[in-house]
Amino acid sequence: MSLSSVWIALRAIHFLAILLLTGSAFYTALLAPRRYRPVLAKRLARMLIICVVISFISAVLMLATQTGLMSGDWRNVSDVEIWRAVLGTRFGQVWRWEIGWAALSVMALLLHGSLRQNALLFSGVLQLIALAGVGHAAMREGWPGVLQQANHSLHLISAAFWAGGLLPLLVLMREARQSEFRIDAIRCMMRFSRYGHLAVALALLTGIINSLLIAGTPLNWQITLWSELLVAKVVLVMLMILLAVINRYLLVPRFHRAADVAPRLFIRLTLLELLLAIGVIGLVSVFATLAPA
């Protein structure tokens, strides 16, 4: 496997881990009713730990891979001088923060209670903001560059709330079947749905702005692999929105009916929405390495 392929794979793994980490932490730190947060945090604990560990390891491996890519030879990964040179580049300077915030997530695991959940959310959001400092979003200097990166940061955070919150949503569906936690689980899902509308709208708006800032209007695009993959991403996102609309406005109102298949369909469509989100991450990891249209 080439270093370029390794980079793409690591980028996808890293972003997926941060997405799930941040999306889950939104629930345990903010969305869940206060009395229910410790219970939900316990349910999501294993997934949160896995995401924290993967985000840190993948961040370090991405730096090592970038060292090989920039030097043109994977054998230079063991050369300390090459590492220093890479750390002195724009990517290296930003990636120091990415690894630092990932390390903060690891240290947050030593905390307990609400302090732990708040620290995980804080470190997850900071990792997303650092990600906006590399790649196409970092193509401008000065205030235009700051605004572009701020827009991309908002895009990543809103996407993390939406897509990263889908797996915890499935956990809450199971929790809602237990009489002890039913009310709190339902209230938590309702809050996710309410603020999810805003997250989806922000993800779409900031995504459109990103595309315009990077490559201009679609009328000026050339037919390239970058533009084709971007269109494929848009199609997958539109399918995700369609599934979300079906779940929220067609299936959820039927939950109160006895012996209705709506809850099972809801779970299946949410799983499909999550799979589409993983597909989007894969596409982004590829076209982020390509020249814009």
Protein backbone atom coordinates (compact mmCIF):
# COMPACT_ATOMS: atom_id res chain seq x y z
CA MET A 1 0.00 0.00 0.00
CA SER A 2 1.38 3.43 -0.95
CA LEU A 3 1.87 6.21 1.58
CA SER A 4 -0.85 8.21 -0.21
CA SER A 5 -3.33 5.38 0.38
CA VAL A 6 -2.23 5.09 4.00
CA TRP A 7 -2.75 8.85 4.41
CA ILE A 8 -6.28 8.69 3.00
CA ALA A 9 -7.18 5.73 5.23
CA LEU A 10 -5.74 7.38 8.34
CA ARG A 11 -7.53 10.65 7.55
CA ALA A 12 -10.87 8.83 7.29
CA ILE A 13 -10.27 6.87 10.52
CA HIS A 14 -9.14 9.98 12.38
CA PHE A 15 -12.11 12.07 11.32
CA LEU A 16 -14.60 9.28 12.03
CA ALA A 17 -13.18 8.86 15.54
CA ILE A 18 -13.43 12.60 16.27
CA LEU A 19 -16.91 12.73 14.73
CA LEU A 20 -18.21 9.98 17.03
CA LEU A 21 -16.32 11.36 20.03
CA THR A 22 -17.71 14.86 19.65
CA GLY A 23 -21.21 13.75 18.65
CA SER A 24 -21.44 11.46 21.70
CA ALA A 25 -20.01 14.10 24.04
CA PHE A 26 -22.68 16.56 22.90
CA TYR A 27 -25.22 14.15 24.41
CA THR A 28 -23.41 13.36 27.66
CA ALA A 29 -22.36 16.97 28.34
CA LEU A 30 -25.31 18.99 27.03
CA LEU A 31 -28.30 17.22 25.50
CA ALA A 32 -29.17 14.62 28.11
CA PRO A 33 -31.21 15.70 31.15
CA ARG A 34 -28.80 16.35 34.02
CA ARG A 35 -29.92 13.39 36.13
CA TYR A 36 -29.61 11.05 33.13
CA ARG A 37 -26.12 12.16 31.99
CA PRO A 38 -24.18 9.74 34.24
CA VAL A 39 -26.30 6.85 33.00
CA LEU A 40 -25.84 7.74 29.34
CA ALA A 41 -22.12 8.40 29.87
CA LYS A 42 -21.81 4.86 31.25
CA ARG A 43 -23.65 3.43 28.23
CA LEU A 44 -21.35 5.30 25.82
CA ALA A 45 -18.15 4.92 27.85
CA ARG A 46 -16.60 2.12 25.80
CA MET A 47 -17.23 3.86 22.51
CA LEU A 48 -15.86 7.14 23.86
CA ILE A 49 -12.66 5.47 25.08
CA ILE A 50 -12.14 3.72 21.74
CA CYS A 51 -12.68 6.98 19.83
CA VAL A 52 -10.25 8.87 22.09
CA VAL A 53 -7.51 6.27 21.67
CA ILE A 54 -8.00 6.01 17.91
CA SER A 55 -8.04 9.78 17.42
CA PHE A 56 -4.71 10.12 19.26
CA ILE A 57 -2.96 7.19 17.57
CA SER A 58 -4.21 8.15 14.10
CA ALA A 59 -3.09 11.77 14.62
CA VAL A 60 0.45 10.63 15.42
CA LEU A 61 0.47 8.17 12.51
CA MET A 62 -0.77 10.89 10.15
CA LEU A 63 2.19 13.06 11.11
CA ALA A 64 4.54 10.16 10.48
CA THR A 65 2.90 9.45 7.13
CA GLN A 66 3.07 13.09 6.11
CA THR A 67 6.79 13.00 6.95
CA GLY A 68 7.24 10.23 4.41
CA LEU A 69 5.07 11.97 1.83
CA MET A 70 6.86 15.32 2.10
CA SER A 71 10.31 13.75 1.94
CA GLY A 72 9.36 11.46 -0.94
CA ASP A 73 10.58 8.28 0.77
CA TRP A 74 8.80 6.29 3.47
CA ARG A 75 12.16 5.28 4.91
CA ASN A 76 12.66 8.87 6.04
CA VAL A 77 9.92 8.36 8.64
CA SER A 78 12.69 7.34 11.05
CA ASP A 79 14.82 10.42 10.32
CA VAL A 80 14.60 12.94 13.20
CA GLU A 81 15.78 15.82 11.02
CA ILE A 82 12.98 15.18 8.52
CA TRP A 83 10.47 15.23 11.38
CA ARG A 84 11.80 18.61 12.51
CA ALA A 85 11.55 19.95 8.98
CA VAL A 86 7.95 18.76 8.62
CA LEU A 87 7.01 20.20 12.02
CA GLY A 88 8.30 23.56 10.75
CA THR A 89 5.84 23.58 7.83
CA ARG A 90 2.31 25.01 7.97
CA PHE A 91 0.92 21.50 8.28
CA GLY A 92 3.36 20.60 11.05
CA GLN A 93 2.59 23.71 13.06
CA VAL A 94 -1.15 23.03 12.91
CA TRP A 95 -0.76 19.30 13.49
CA ARG A 96 1.10 19.90 16.73
CA TRP A 97 -2.16 21.34 18.04
CA GLU A 98 -4.17 18.45 16.61
CA ILE A 99 -2.00 15.93 18.46
CA GLY A 100 -2.07 18.13 21.57
CA TRP A 101 -5.87 18.26 21.63
CA ALA A 102 -6.03 14.51 21.00
CA ALA A 103 -3.70 14.05 23.97
CA LEU A 104 -6.06 16.25 25.99
CA SER A 105 -8.87 13.81 25.17
CA VAL A 106 -6.73 10.97 26.50
CA MET A 107 -6.04 12.89 29.72
CA ALA A 108 -9.77 13.64 30.05
CA LEU A 109 -10.34 9.92 30.54
CA LEU A 110 -8.62 10.27 33.92
CA LEU A 111 -11.40 12.60 35.08
CA HIS A 112 -14.83 11.63 36.36
CA GLY A 113 -18.42 12.74 36.10
CA SER A 114 -19.50 15.86 34.27
CA LEU A 115 -15.93 17.21 34.26
CA ARG A 116 -14.86 14.26 32.13
CA GLN A 117 -17.71 14.67 29.65
CA ASN A 118 -17.18 18.42 29.32
CA ALA A 119 -13.46 17.89 28.76
CA LEU A 120 -14.14 15.29 26.07
CA LEU A 121 -16.54 17.63 24.28
CA PHE A 122 -14.09 20.53 24.59
CA SER A 123 -11.14 18.52 23.25
CA GLY A 124 -13.24 17.01 20.44
CA VAL A 125 -14.37 20.43 19.24
CA LEU A 126 -10.79 21.73 19.40
CA GLN A 127 -9.61 18.82 17.26
CA LEU A 128 -12.23 19.68 14.66
CA ILE A 129 -11.16 23.33 14.68
CA ALA A 130 -7.52 22.29 14.21
CA LEU A 131 -8.52 20.11 11.25
CA ALA A 132 -9.83 23.26 9.55
CA GLY A 133 -6.30 24.62 9.60
CA VAL A 134 -4.98 22.13 7.05
CA GLY A 135 -6.08 21.21 3.56
CA HIS A 136 -8.09 23.31 1.11
CA ALA A 137 -9.60 25.47 3.87
CA ALA A 138 -6.12 26.80 4.65
CA MET A 139 -5.46 28.04 1.12
CA ARG A 140 -5.81 31.76 1.96
CA GLU A 141 -3.76 34.07 4.15
CA GLY A 142 -4.82 36.96 6.39
CA TRP A 143 -8.42 37.69 7.30
CA PRO A 144 -9.86 35.87 4.26
CA GLY A 145 -8.04 32.77 5.46
CA VAL A 146 -9.27 33.21 9.03
CA LEU A 147 -12.87 33.53 7.83
CA GLN A 148 -12.56 30.52 5.53
CA GLN A 149 -11.16 28.38 8.32
CA ALA A 150 -13.83 29.62 10.73
CA ASN A 151 -16.49 28.63 8.20
CA HIS A 152 -14.92 25.20 7.78
CA SER A 153 -14.67 24.77 11.57
CA LEU A 154 -18.40 25.46 11.87
CA HIS A 155 -19.00 22.97 9.06
CA LEU A 156 -17.08 20.24 10.86
CA ILE A 157 -18.70 20.91 14.24
CA SER A 158 -22.23 20.90 12.82
CA ALA A 159 -21.46 17.70 10.90
CA ALA A 160 -20.14 16.12 14.11
CA PHE A 161 -23.35 17.04 15.97
CA TRP A 162 -25.49 15.58 13.20
CA ALA A 163 -23.65 12.52 11.91
CA GLY A 164 -21.68 11.88 15.10
CA GLY A 165 -24.92 11.82 17.06
CA LEU A 166 -26.51 9.00 15.06
CA LEU A 167 -24.86 6.11 16.90
CA PRO A 168 -25.78 7.47 20.36
CA LEU A 169 -29.30 7.94 18.99
CA LEU A 170 -29.51 4.18 18.42
CA VAL A 171 -28.40 3.62 22.01
CA LEU A 172 -31.16 5.96 23.20
CA MET A 173 -33.74 4.03 21.19
CA ARG A 174 -32.79 0.96 23.20
CA GLU A 175 -32.82 2.95 26.44
CA ALA A 176 -36.33 4.21 25.69
CA ARG A 177 -37.63 0.64 25.93
CA GLN A 178 -36.77 0.55 29.65
CA SER A 179 -39.42 2.14 31.86
CA GLU A 180 -36.76 3.47 34.27
CA PHE A 181 -35.07 5.63 31.61
CA ARG A 182 -37.83 6.04 29.05
CA ILE A 183 -38.77 9.67 29.79
CA ASP A 184 -35.17 10.91 29.97
CA ALA A 185 -34.13 9.00 26.84
CA ILE A 186 -37.07 10.40 24.87
CA ARG A 187 -36.36 13.93 26.11
CA CYS A 188 -32.73 13.54 25.04
CA MET A 189 -33.77 12.38 21.56
CA MET A 190 -36.18 15.28 21.25
CA ARG A 191 -33.39 17.76 22.05
CA PHE A 192 -31.14 16.12 19.47
CA SER A 193 -33.93 16.38 16.89
CA ARG A 194 -34.61 20.03 17.73
CA TYR A 195 -31.00 21.18 17.50
CA GLY A 196 -30.29 18.70 14.73
CA HIS A 197 -32.34 20.86 12.36
CA LEU A 198 -29.94 23.73 12.99
CA ALA A 199 -26.90 21.45 12.63
CA VAL A 200 -28.09 20.15 9.25
CA ALA A 201 -28.82 23.66 8.00
CA LEU A 202 -25.39 24.89 9.15
CA ALA A 203 -23.64 21.90 7.60
CA LEU A 204 -25.33 22.58 4.26
CA LEU A 205 -24.75 26.34 4.31
CA THR A 206 -21.11 26.16 5.37
CA GLY A 207 -20.50 23.31 2.94
CA ILE A 208 -21.78 25.42 0.05
CA ILE A 209 -19.61 28.35 1.17
CA ASN A 210 -16.59 26.03 1.40
CA SER A 211 -17.07 24.81 -2.16
CA LEU A 212 -17.47 28.35 -3.50
CA LEU A 213 -14.38 29.58 -1.68
CA ILE A 214 -12.26 26.65 -2.83
CA ALA A 215 -13.31 26.24 -6.45
CA GLY A 216 -15.71 29.05 -7.33
CA THR A 217 -19.16 28.52 -8.82
CA PRO A 218 -19.96 25.09 -10.29
CA LEU A 219 -20.42 26.73 -13.71
CA ASN A 220 -16.66 27.31 -13.79
CA TRP A 221 -15.68 23.81 -12.69
CA GLN A 222 -13.86 21.47 -14.99
CA ILE A 223 -14.81 17.79 -15.05
CA THR A 224 -12.14 16.38 -12.75
CA LEU A 225 -11.99 13.62 -10.15
CA TRP A 226 -12.26 16.31 -7.45
CA SER A 227 -15.51 17.73 -8.83
CA GLU A 228 -16.95 14.25 -9.46
CA LEU A 229 -16.24 13.16 -5.89
CA LEU A 230 -17.71 16.41 -4.56
CA VAL A 231 -20.92 15.78 -6.50
CA ALA A 232 -21.00 12.22 -5.14
CA LYS A 233 -20.63 13.64 -1.62
CA VAL A 234 -23.54 16.03 -2.22
CA VAL A 235 -25.72 13.13 -3.40
CA LEU A 236 -24.92 11.10 -0.27
CA VAL A 237 -25.65 14.10 1.98
CA MET A 238 -28.99 14.66 0.24
CA LEU A 239 -29.85 11.00 0.86
CA MET A 240 -28.93 11.43 4.52
CA ILE A 241 -31.26 14.42 4.77
CA LEU A 242 -34.05 12.46 3.09
CA LEU A 243 -33.67 9.63 5.59
CA ALA A 244 -33.60 12.11 8.48
CA VAL A 245 -36.83 13.73 7.23
CA ILE A 246 -38.55 10.33 6.88
CA ASN A 247 -37.48 9.36 10.38
CA ARG A 248 -38.52 12.62 12.02
CA TYR A 249 -41.77 13.41 10.24
CA LEU A 250 -43.12 10.03 9.11
CA LEU A 251 -41.90 7.45 11.63
CA VAL A 252 -41.54 9.31 14.95
CA PRO A 253 -45.25 10.37 15.02
CA ARG A 254 -46.15 6.65 14.79
CA PHE A 255 -44.08 5.57 17.81
CA HIS A 256 -47.06 5.74 20.20
CA ARG A 257 -49.05 3.19 18.21
CA ALA A 258 -48.96 -0.31 19.63
CA ALA A 259 -47.40 -3.06 17.50
CA ASP A 260 -46.30 -0.54 14.88
CA VAL A 261 -43.15 -1.26 12.86
CA ALA A 262 -42.12 2.42 12.96
CA PRO A 263 -39.43 2.01 15.70
CA ARG A 264 -37.75 -0.83 13.81
CA LEU A 265 -37.82 1.12 10.55
CA PHE A 266 -36.43 4.14 12.38
CA ILE A 267 -33.46 2.11 13.62
CA ARG A 268 -32.78 0.64 10.17
CA LEU A 269 -32.94 4.01 8.44
CA THR A 270 -30.70 5.56 11.10
CA LEU A 271 -28.16 2.78 10.53
CA LEU A 272 -28.35 3.48 6.80
CA GLU A 273 -27.89 7.20 7.47
CA LEU A 274 -24.80 6.38 9.54
CA LEU A 275 -23.39 4.22 6.74
CA LEU A 276 -23.94 7.07 4.28
CA ALA A 277 -22.08 9.39 6.67
CA ILE A 278 -19.14 6.97 6.67
CA GLY A 279 -19.27 7.03 2.86
CA VAL A 280 -19.13 10.83 2.93
CA ILE A 281 -16.08 10.71 5.20
CA GLY A 282 -14.39 8.31 2.78
CA LEU A 283 -15.06 10.59 -0.20
CA VAL A 284 -13.86 13.68 1.65
CA SER A 285 -10.67 11.88 2.67
CA VAL A 286 -9.94 11.19 -1.00
CA PHE A 287 -10.81 14.50 -2.65
CA ALA A 288 -9.13 16.48 0.12
CA THR A 289 -5.87 15.21 -1.37
CA LEU A 290 -6.75 16.36 -4.90
CA ALA A 291 -6.44 19.71 -6.63
CA PRO A 292 -9.80 21.56 -6.68
CA ALA A 293 -11.75 21.90 -9.94
